[in-house]
Amino acid sequence: MLVCPKKCIPPPPRRSQSPELELLGVGIATKICHLSIVASLLRELEEARKLALKLGQASAAVQCSMGKAKILGLIIDRREVGDAGTFDDMTDEELISAAARKARELGIAGPREVEDAN
């Protein structure tokens, strides 16, 4: 049975119910734990931001605001991985095939099987 790693909520009681319902309960417990951690981080960043403003540290205050925005998913850092221009000479079909292979390797191909030309 999975339990909250931060122990912020007690584990669900054992019941003789279907495994699907038990997993649903664990999913809800995990989401509640996640939300409590996010709320805690947001509170800490807000306190730090207010202190930074009080001390005249505008840069630190901005960093706190940026941290809050990232936690809330308002800012997403994206970086190119690999050599720049690696895919420039590939056709659309080759790109789709390469993406399908990589998705299968990572186990994220989705509910439908994604097939490539190879």
Foldseek 3Di string as FASTA:
>chain_A
DDAQPVPPDPQDDDDPDDPVVNVVVVVVRNVVSVVVVLVVLLVVLVVQLVVCVVVVNNVSNVVSVVVNCVSVVVDDDDDDPDDPPPCVPPDPLRVQQVVLVVCVVVVNNPPDRRHHPD
